[in-house]
């Protein structure tokens, strides 16, 4: 019977954490899209995020090429 109680607490905790995470994400989105300060922050972040996306894509391509070059040597 103790296991059932533990599962119930775990389920309630998961639901609470999910609701809390949703509230935080919703608040951040509201700030970014509904305030002037949020709009300025987005304008400042967009070029940096684009640069980050470019670097991630470059790293992904590098890993893909490295894997392709190693495959012929695998047994």
Protein backbone atom coordinates (compact mmCIF):
# COMPACT_ATOMS: atom_id res chain seq x y z
CA UNK A 1 0.00 0.00 0.00
CA UNK A 2 2.91 2.36 0.59
CA UNK A 3 3.90 2.10 -3.05
CA UNK A 4 0.48 3.38 -4.13
CA UNK A 5 0.88 6.47 -1.93
CA UNK A 6 4.35 7.13 -3.34
CA UNK A 7 3.00 6.90 -6.89
CA UNK A 8 0.19 9.32 -6.07
CA UNK A 9 2.63 11.85 -4.62
CA UNK A 10 4.89 11.42 -7.61
CA UNK A 11 1.98 11.99 -10.01
CA UNK A 12 0.83 15.08 -8.11
CA UNK A 13 4.37 16.40 -8.02
CA UNK A 14 4.74 15.87 -11.77
CA UNK A 15 1.48 17.68 -12.47
CA UNK A 16 2.46 20.57 -10.20
CA UNK A 17 5.90 20.88 -11.77
CA UNK A 18 4.37 20.77 -15.25
CA UNK A 19 1.88 23.49 -14.35
CA UNK A 20 4.63 25.60 -12.79
CA UNK A 21 6.86 25.20 -15.85
CA UNK A 22 3.94 26.16 -18.10
CA UNK A 23 3.27 29.27 -16.03
CA UNK A 24 6.93 30.32 -16.18
CA UNK A 25 7.15 29.75 -19.94
CA UNK A 26 3.86 31.60 -20.47
CA UNK A 27 5.04 34.52 -18.36
CA UNK A 28 8.30 34.74 -20.29
CA UNK A 29 6.49 34.61 -23.63
CA UNK A 30 4.07 37.28 -22.48
CA UNK A 31 6.95 39.50 -21.42
CA UNK A 32 8.85 38.99 -24.67
CA UNK A 33 5.87 39.55 -26.97
CA UNK A 34 3.64 41.97 -25.07
CA UNK A 35 6.02 44.56 -23.58
CA UNK A 36 8.28 47.17 -25.13
CA UNK A 37 11.21 45.93 -23.03
CA UNK A 38 10.57 42.40 -24.25
CA UNK A 39 10.48 43.58 -27.85
CA UNK A 40 13.85 45.31 -27.38
CA UNK A 41 15.27 42.21 -25.73
CA UNK A 42 14.10 40.07 -28.66
CA UNK A 43 15.68 42.50 -31.12
CA UNK A 44 18.97 42.25 -29.19
CA UNK A 45 18.84 38.45 -28.94
CA UNK A 46 17.80 37.59 -32.50
CA UNK A 47 21.22 38.16 -34.13
CA UNK A 48 22.95 36.28 -31.32
CA UNK A 49 20.55 33.36 -31.65
CA UNK A 50 21.09 33.33 -35.41
CA UNK A 51 24.86 33.18 -34.83
CA UNK A 52 24.36 30.37 -32.33
CA UNK A 53 22.22 28.44 -34.81
CA UNK A 54 24.94 28.86 -37.45
CA UNK A 55 27.59 27.55 -35.05
CA UNK A 56 25.43 24.59 -34.06
CA UNK A 57 24.85 23.73 -37.70
CA UNK A 58 28.59 24.01 -38.38
CA UNK A 59 29.35 21.68 -35.45
CA UNK A 60 26.67 19.24 -36.62
CA UNK A 61 28.19 19.18 -40.09
CA UNK A 62 31.66 18.64 -38.63
CA UNK A 63 30.45 15.67 -36.57
CA UNK A 64 28.64 14.23 -39.58
CA UNK A 65 31.78 14.46 -41.71
CA UNK A 66 33.93 12.98 -38.95
CA UNK A 67 31.55 10.04 -38.57
CA UNK A 68 31.59 9.47 -42.34
CA UNK A 69 35.41 9.47 -42.35
CA UNK A 70 35.63 7.01 -39.45
CA UNK A 71 33.14 4.49 -40.83
CA UNK A 72 35.52 2.93 -43.38
CA UNK A 73 37.83 1.98 -40.51
CA UNK A 74 35.17 0.29 -38.39
CA UNK A 75 35.16 -3.47 -38.29
